[in-house]
N, C-alpha and C. Protein backbone atom coordinates (compact mmCIF):
# COMPACT_ATOMS: atom_id res chain seq x y z
N MET A 1 239.46 -129.57 147.24
CA MET A 1 238.56 -129.07 148.31
C MET A 1 237.95 -130.36 149.17
N ALA A 2 237.68 -129.98 150.38
CA ALA A 2 237.34 -131.06 151.36
C ALA A 2 236.19 -131.91 150.70
N TRP A 3 235.04 -131.31 150.19
CA TRP A 3 233.95 -132.04 149.74
C TRP A 3 234.57 -133.17 148.65
N GLN A 4 235.62 -132.87 147.96
CA GLN A 4 235.96 -133.77 146.97
C GLN A 4 236.86 -134.89 147.40
N MET A 5 237.30 -134.70 148.67
CA MET A 5 238.18 -135.75 149.23
C MET A 5 237.55 -136.94 149.74
N TYR A 6 236.28 -136.86 150.09
CA TYR A 6 235.55 -138.06 150.67
C TYR A 6 234.62 -138.50 149.52
N GLN A 7 234.93 -139.67 148.95
CA GLN A 7 234.39 -140.19 147.72
C GLN A 7 233.33 -141.21 148.01
N GLY A 8 233.12 -141.68 149.18
CA GLY A 8 232.36 -142.77 149.45
C GLY A 8 230.76 -142.26 149.32
N SER A 9 229.93 -143.30 148.84
CA SER A 9 228.54 -142.99 148.58
C SER A 9 227.84 -142.41 149.76
N LEU A 10 228.09 -143.00 150.97
CA LEU A 10 227.48 -142.54 152.07
C LEU A 10 227.69 -140.96 152.33
N PHE A 11 229.00 -140.61 152.23
CA PHE A 11 229.33 -139.10 152.31
C PHE A 11 228.67 -138.22 151.24
N GLN A 12 228.67 -138.72 150.10
CA GLN A 12 228.18 -137.96 148.91
C GLN A 12 226.75 -137.92 149.07
N LYS A 13 225.97 -138.85 149.47
CA LYS A 13 224.45 -138.76 149.73
C LYS A 13 224.22 -137.78 150.84
N THR A 14 224.99 -137.96 151.99
CA THR A 14 224.80 -137.18 153.09
C THR A 14 225.09 -135.58 152.81
N LEU A 15 226.23 -135.39 152.01
CA LEU A 15 226.46 -134.00 151.58
C LEU A 15 225.40 -133.52 150.79
N ALA A 16 224.90 -134.21 149.89
CA ALA A 16 223.75 -133.78 148.96
C ALA A 16 222.57 -133.45 149.83
N TYR A 17 222.20 -134.42 150.73
CA TYR A 17 220.99 -134.08 151.75
C TYR A 17 221.37 -132.77 152.53
N CYS A 18 222.40 -132.67 153.02
CA CYS A 18 222.55 -131.49 153.83
C CYS A 18 222.53 -130.05 153.13
N LEU A 19 223.18 -130.11 151.87
CA LEU A 19 223.28 -129.14 151.15
C LEU A 19 221.91 -128.48 150.71
N SER A 20 220.99 -129.56 150.54
CA SER A 20 219.66 -129.13 150.09
C SER A 20 218.64 -128.94 151.39
N HIS A 21 219.18 -129.14 152.52
CA HIS A 21 218.15 -128.87 153.65
C HIS A 21 218.84 -127.85 154.80
N HIS A 22 219.96 -127.38 154.59
CA HIS A 22 220.58 -126.59 155.64
C HIS A 22 221.35 -125.43 154.97
N ASP A 23 221.31 -124.36 155.71
CA ASP A 23 221.98 -122.94 155.23
C ASP A 23 223.58 -123.22 155.15
N GLN A 24 224.02 -123.74 156.23
CA GLN A 24 225.60 -123.90 156.43
C GLN A 24 225.81 -125.38 156.64
N VAL A 25 226.90 -125.79 156.00
CA VAL A 25 227.21 -127.25 155.97
C VAL A 25 228.83 -127.31 156.30
N PHE A 26 229.12 -128.20 157.26
CA PHE A 26 230.53 -128.25 157.51
C PHE A 26 230.71 -129.77 157.67
N ILE A 27 232.07 -130.17 157.57
CA ILE A 27 232.46 -131.69 157.64
C ILE A 27 233.29 -131.73 159.03
N LEU A 28 232.89 -132.75 159.74
CA LEU A 28 233.78 -133.18 160.94
C LEU A 28 234.86 -134.02 160.41
N SER A 29 236.07 -133.64 160.46
CA SER A 29 237.35 -134.37 160.04
C SER A 29 238.08 -134.83 161.30
N ALA A 30 238.42 -136.07 161.18
CA ALA A 30 239.18 -136.64 162.33
C ALA A 30 240.59 -135.90 162.46
N LYS A 31 241.10 -135.43 161.34
CA LYS A 31 242.41 -134.75 161.44
C LYS A 31 242.28 -133.31 161.53
N TYR A 32 241.39 -132.65 160.82
CA TYR A 32 241.28 -131.14 160.71
C TYR A 32 240.17 -130.55 161.63
N GLY A 33 239.31 -131.46 162.14
CA GLY A 33 238.34 -130.87 162.95
C GLY A 33 237.05 -130.31 162.17
N LEU A 34 236.70 -129.27 162.52
CA LEU A 34 235.55 -128.62 161.72
C LEU A 34 236.05 -127.85 160.57
N ILE A 35 235.64 -128.26 159.36
CA ILE A 35 236.13 -127.67 158.09
C ILE A 35 234.93 -127.45 157.21
N SER A 36 235.09 -126.32 156.42
CA SER A 36 234.05 -126.00 155.35
C SER A 36 234.19 -126.96 154.21
N THR A 37 233.08 -127.16 153.55
CA THR A 37 233.10 -127.93 152.41
C THR A 37 234.12 -127.67 151.35
N SER A 38 234.45 -126.32 151.21
CA SER A 38 235.34 -125.82 150.19
C SER A 38 236.76 -125.66 150.63
N GLN A 39 237.16 -125.95 151.90
CA GLN A 39 238.51 -125.79 152.45
C GLN A 39 239.29 -126.79 151.84
N ILE A 40 240.51 -126.41 151.42
CA ILE A 40 241.54 -127.20 150.87
C ILE A 40 242.30 -127.93 151.92
N ILE A 41 242.26 -129.46 151.75
CA ILE A 41 242.99 -130.14 152.69
C ILE A 41 243.93 -131.16 151.98
N GLU A 42 244.68 -131.81 152.79
CA GLU A 42 245.66 -132.81 152.09
C GLU A 42 244.79 -134.11 152.58
N PRO A 43 245.26 -135.31 151.83
CA PRO A 43 244.67 -136.56 152.17
C PRO A 43 245.22 -137.03 153.50
N TYR A 44 244.36 -137.76 154.08
CA TYR A 44 244.70 -138.39 155.43
C TYR A 44 244.04 -139.72 155.69
N ASP A 45 244.67 -140.40 156.58
CA ASP A 45 244.10 -141.63 156.87
C ASP A 45 243.83 -141.72 158.58
N GLU A 46 242.96 -141.02 158.98
CA GLU A 46 242.56 -140.93 160.43
C GLU A 46 241.20 -140.93 160.48
N ASN A 47 240.67 -141.74 161.51
CA ASN A 47 239.17 -141.66 161.87
C ASN A 47 238.95 -141.87 163.33
N LEU A 48 237.78 -141.57 163.71
CA LEU A 48 237.63 -141.67 165.20
C LEU A 48 237.50 -143.05 165.71
N TYR A 49 237.24 -144.00 164.91
CA TYR A 49 237.23 -145.42 165.22
C TYR A 49 238.66 -145.87 165.77
N LYS A 50 239.69 -145.14 165.51
CA LYS A 50 240.99 -145.57 165.80
C LYS A 50 241.40 -144.90 167.17
N MET A 51 240.60 -143.98 167.64
CA MET A 51 240.82 -143.18 168.78
C MET A 51 240.23 -143.83 170.02
N SER A 52 240.83 -143.67 171.16
CA SER A 52 240.37 -143.86 172.35
C SER A 52 239.27 -142.98 172.79
N ARG A 53 238.43 -143.22 173.93
CA ARG A 53 237.48 -142.43 174.36
C ARG A 53 237.98 -140.96 174.76
N ILE A 54 239.08 -141.05 175.42
CA ILE A 54 239.79 -139.76 175.88
C ILE A 54 240.11 -138.95 174.65
N GLU A 55 240.67 -139.57 173.56
CA GLU A 55 241.10 -138.83 172.41
C GLU A 55 239.82 -138.19 171.76
N ARG A 56 238.82 -138.94 171.64
CA ARG A 56 237.48 -138.46 171.12
C ARG A 56 236.94 -137.32 171.86
N ILE A 57 236.97 -137.35 173.18
CA ILE A 57 236.54 -136.41 173.97
C ILE A 57 237.38 -134.98 173.63
N GLU A 58 238.68 -135.17 173.59
CA GLU A 58 239.62 -134.09 173.21
C GLU A 58 239.40 -133.50 171.88
N TRP A 59 238.98 -134.44 170.95
CA TRP A 59 238.74 -133.96 169.41
C TRP A 59 237.41 -133.15 169.58
N THR A 60 236.40 -133.61 170.45
CA THR A 60 235.21 -132.93 170.43
C THR A 60 235.33 -131.64 171.08
N GLN A 61 236.09 -131.38 171.96
CA GLN A 61 236.57 -130.11 172.66
C GLN A 61 237.06 -129.29 171.57
N LYS A 62 238.06 -129.63 170.81
CA LYS A 62 238.71 -129.09 169.67
C LYS A 62 237.56 -128.36 168.72
N ILE A 63 236.70 -129.37 168.39
CA ILE A 63 235.56 -128.79 167.49
C ILE A 63 234.58 -127.91 168.26
N LYS A 64 234.46 -128.12 169.31
CA LYS A 64 233.56 -126.98 170.18
C LYS A 64 234.23 -125.64 170.14
N GLU A 65 235.53 -125.77 170.25
CA GLU A 65 236.37 -124.31 170.24
C GLU A 65 236.20 -123.72 168.83
N GLN A 66 236.38 -124.53 167.75
CA GLN A 66 236.35 -124.07 166.33
C GLN A 66 234.89 -123.45 166.19
N ILE A 67 233.91 -123.97 166.78
CA ILE A 67 232.47 -123.54 166.41
C ILE A 67 232.38 -122.21 167.20
N VAL A 68 233.10 -121.93 168.52
CA VAL A 68 233.00 -120.61 169.08
C VAL A 68 233.87 -119.58 168.30
N GLU A 69 234.91 -120.13 167.95
CA GLU A 69 235.90 -119.21 167.17
C GLU A 69 235.19 -118.77 165.87
N GLN A 70 234.46 -119.51 165.29
CA GLN A 70 233.78 -119.02 163.87
C GLN A 70 232.45 -118.43 164.16
N GLY A 71 231.99 -118.23 165.46
CA GLY A 71 230.88 -117.63 165.87
C GLY A 71 229.54 -118.37 165.40
N LEU A 72 229.58 -119.54 165.27
CA LEU A 72 228.43 -120.38 164.80
C LEU A 72 227.53 -120.71 165.89
N THR A 73 226.26 -120.31 165.68
CA THR A 73 225.18 -120.50 166.72
C THR A 73 223.94 -121.20 166.16
N GLY A 74 222.97 -121.46 167.06
CA GLY A 74 221.77 -121.96 166.56
C GLY A 74 221.78 -123.48 166.76
N GLU A 75 220.80 -124.12 166.14
CA GLU A 75 220.57 -125.57 166.22
C GLU A 75 221.74 -126.28 165.26
N PHE A 76 222.18 -127.37 165.93
CA PHE A 76 223.22 -128.17 165.15
C PHE A 76 222.68 -129.52 164.81
N TRP A 77 222.84 -129.97 163.57
CA TRP A 77 222.43 -131.27 163.16
C TRP A 77 223.64 -132.10 162.72
N PHE A 78 223.54 -133.29 163.14
CA PHE A 78 224.87 -134.15 162.92
C PHE A 78 224.34 -135.37 162.12
N TYR A 79 224.75 -135.41 160.87
CA TYR A 79 224.46 -136.60 160.01
C TYR A 79 225.83 -137.35 159.77
N VAL A 80 226.21 -137.85 160.87
CA VAL A 80 227.52 -138.50 161.11
C VAL A 80 227.32 -139.92 161.83
N SER A 81 228.35 -140.64 161.75
CA SER A 81 228.38 -141.92 162.69
C SER A 81 228.23 -141.51 163.96
N ASP A 82 227.99 -142.54 164.89
CA ASP A 82 227.76 -142.36 166.42
C ASP A 82 228.92 -141.75 167.04
N LYS A 83 230.23 -142.31 166.53
CA LYS A 83 231.44 -141.84 167.35
C LYS A 83 231.71 -140.44 167.02
N TYR A 84 231.35 -139.95 165.94
CA TYR A 84 231.62 -138.60 165.52
C TYR A 84 230.57 -137.59 166.21
N CYS A 85 229.48 -137.92 166.64
CA CYS A 85 228.69 -137.10 167.38
C CYS A 85 228.32 -137.30 168.85
N GLU A 86 229.00 -138.40 169.39
CA GLU A 86 228.77 -138.84 170.74
C GLU A 86 228.71 -137.84 171.82
N PHE A 87 229.72 -136.82 171.85
CA PHE A 87 229.70 -135.87 172.89
C PHE A 87 229.20 -134.45 172.41
N PHE A 88 228.42 -134.38 171.43
CA PHE A 88 227.78 -133.10 170.96
C PHE A 88 226.39 -133.01 171.41
N GLU A 89 225.81 -131.92 171.57
CA GLU A 89 224.53 -131.68 171.82
C GLU A 89 223.96 -131.25 170.45
N GLY A 90 222.69 -131.60 170.06
CA GLY A 90 221.95 -131.38 168.78
C GLY A 90 221.26 -132.58 168.29
N HIS A 91 220.76 -132.24 167.06
CA HIS A 91 219.94 -133.32 166.37
C HIS A 91 220.80 -134.23 165.82
N LYS A 92 220.51 -135.45 165.81
CA LYS A 92 221.24 -136.64 165.35
C LYS A 92 220.28 -137.72 164.70
N PRO A 93 219.65 -137.34 163.58
CA PRO A 93 218.76 -138.15 162.92
C PRO A 93 219.27 -139.46 162.62
N LEU A 94 220.48 -139.73 162.36
CA LEU A 94 221.09 -141.04 162.01
C LEU A 94 221.71 -141.87 162.99
N LEU A 95 221.46 -141.35 164.29
CA LEU A 95 222.13 -142.00 165.48
C LEU A 95 221.59 -143.41 165.73
N GLY A 96 222.57 -144.27 165.70
CA GLY A 96 222.25 -145.73 165.96
C GLY A 96 222.08 -146.48 164.68
N MET A 97 221.94 -145.82 163.55
CA MET A 97 221.74 -146.57 162.40
C MET A 97 222.91 -147.21 161.76
N ARG A 98 222.84 -148.33 161.18
CA ARG A 98 223.86 -148.96 160.52
C ARG A 98 223.94 -148.40 159.11
N LEU A 99 225.01 -148.80 158.28
CA LEU A 99 225.26 -148.38 156.96
C LEU A 99 223.90 -148.47 156.07
N GLY A 100 223.42 -149.61 156.09
CA GLY A 100 222.29 -149.90 155.05
C GLY A 100 221.12 -149.01 155.37
N PRO A 101 220.55 -148.89 156.70
CA PRO A 101 219.47 -147.99 157.09
C PRO A 101 219.77 -146.57 156.88
N ARG A 102 220.90 -146.09 157.07
CA ARG A 102 221.29 -144.73 156.75
C ARG A 102 221.32 -144.36 155.34
N LEU A 103 221.81 -145.26 154.49
CA LEU A 103 221.65 -145.03 153.04
C LEU A 103 220.23 -145.17 152.61
N ARG A 104 219.29 -146.00 153.11
CA ARG A 104 217.90 -145.74 152.75
C ARG A 104 217.27 -144.63 153.09
N TRP A 105 217.57 -144.20 154.39
CA TRP A 105 216.95 -142.89 154.88
C TRP A 105 217.34 -141.71 153.99
N LEU A 106 218.63 -141.62 153.53
CA LEU A 106 219.09 -140.69 152.73
C LEU A 106 218.39 -140.81 151.39
N ASN A 107 218.37 -141.78 150.86
CA ASN A 107 217.81 -142.22 149.46
C ASN A 107 216.40 -141.68 149.48
N GLU A 108 215.66 -142.09 150.44
CA GLU A 108 214.17 -141.72 150.51
C GLU A 108 213.93 -140.21 150.48
N ARG A 109 214.84 -139.63 151.19
CA ARG A 109 214.82 -138.21 151.36
C ARG A 109 215.32 -137.40 150.15
N LEU A 110 216.26 -137.90 149.35
CA LEU A 110 216.76 -137.30 148.14
C LEU A 110 215.99 -137.45 147.03
N LYS A 111 214.83 -138.26 146.97
CA LYS A 111 214.10 -138.38 145.75
C LYS A 111 213.44 -137.12 145.34
């Protein structure tokens, strides 16, 4: 399942925080787009940091189409790095934070 594929400490803490604070949680995948945490996916080695600005805009458009297709509405919260949320509207509490501050922010709220 998707939530098991991402093993990094930052992802695991972010997931734990999101699951405890939000009704619906999705993953933004460089390869698959918008995916549920329980979706079965194959391993991959792609990320938005390897993409050009144009490719990231196209990726964002794909995600927006998936959001519409799934009928998702309301406020959107993005707990991702800047490149993953740069073209989305919504709440971005970790925007501009480097790794250390992001981990501290999550640790403080997971206590």
